[in-house]
Amino acid sequence: MKTEEIVKLSNQDRDLVMTELENPSEPNDSLKELFKSSSKEKQNKDNKEIETQ
């Protein structure tokens, strides 16, 4: 089930979000590690689904 949530931002927060969307920062080490771990989890899930077919 999908849900929606509306988050009200201050003008300053909105500007920060827009700046990041337009000019993304380089990912930090924590974000890189999170991406690696989520990619591994997805690969494991995909492999298990293939094995059960």
Protein backbone atom coordinates (compact mmCIF):
# COMPACT_ATOMS: atom_id res chain seq x y z
CA MET A 1 0.00 0.00 0.00
CA LYS A 2 1.35 3.40 -0.90
CA THR A 3 0.96 6.39 1.34
CA GLU A 4 1.50 10.07 0.86
CA GLU A 5 2.73 12.56 3.33
CA ILE A 6 2.88 16.30 2.97
CA VAL A 7 5.82 17.97 4.62
CA LYS A 8 5.71 21.71 5.09
CA LEU A 9 9.07 23.36 4.70
CA SER A 10 10.23 26.77 5.67
CA ASN A 11 11.40 28.98 2.83
CA GLN A 12 14.98 28.37 3.89
CA ASP A 13 14.52 24.58 3.91
CA ARG A 14 12.78 24.69 0.53
CA ASP A 15 15.69 26.65 -0.90
CA LEU A 16 18.17 24.11 0.48
CA VAL A 17 16.25 21.22 -1.05
CA MET A 18 16.03 22.96 -4.41
CA THR A 19 19.73 23.79 -4.37
CA GLU A 20 20.61 20.14 -3.69
CA LEU A 21 18.31 18.95 -6.46
CA GLU A 22 19.82 21.37 -8.93
CA ASN A 23 23.44 20.91 -7.80
CA PRO A 24 23.79 17.65 -5.88
CA SER A 25 26.63 17.27 -3.41
CA GLU A 26 29.05 14.38 -3.65
CA PRO A 27 27.86 11.43 -1.55
CA ASN A 28 29.56 11.06 1.80
CA ASP A 29 30.99 7.78 3.14
CA SER A 30 27.82 6.91 5.06
CA LEU A 31 25.65 7.30 1.98
CA LYS A 32 28.04 5.23 -0.11
CA GLU A 33 27.98 2.46 2.49
CA LEU A 34 24.19 2.53 2.65
CA PHE A 35 23.99 2.23 -1.12
CA LYS A 36 26.38 -0.73 -1.12
CA SER A 37 24.44 -2.56 1.57
CA SER A 38 21.07 -1.95 -0.08
CA SER A 39 22.45 -3.09 -3.44
CA LYS A 40 23.71 -6.31 -1.86
CA GLU A 41 20.35 -6.92 -0.18
CA LYS A 42 18.55 -6.45 -3.50
CA GLN A 43 20.93 -8.83 -5.26
CA ASN A 44 20.38 -11.44 -2.55
CA LYS A 45 16.61 -11.06 -2.82
CA ASP A 46 16.72 -11.32 -6.61
CA ASN A 47 18.90 -14.43 -6.41
CA LYS A 48 16.51 -16.11 -3.97
CA GLU A 49 13.58 -15.38 -6.26
CA ILE A 50 15.43 -16.91 -9.21
CA GLU A 51 16.25 -20.03 -7.17
CA THR A 52 12.61 -20.58 -6.24
CA GLN A 53 11.36 -20.42 -9.83
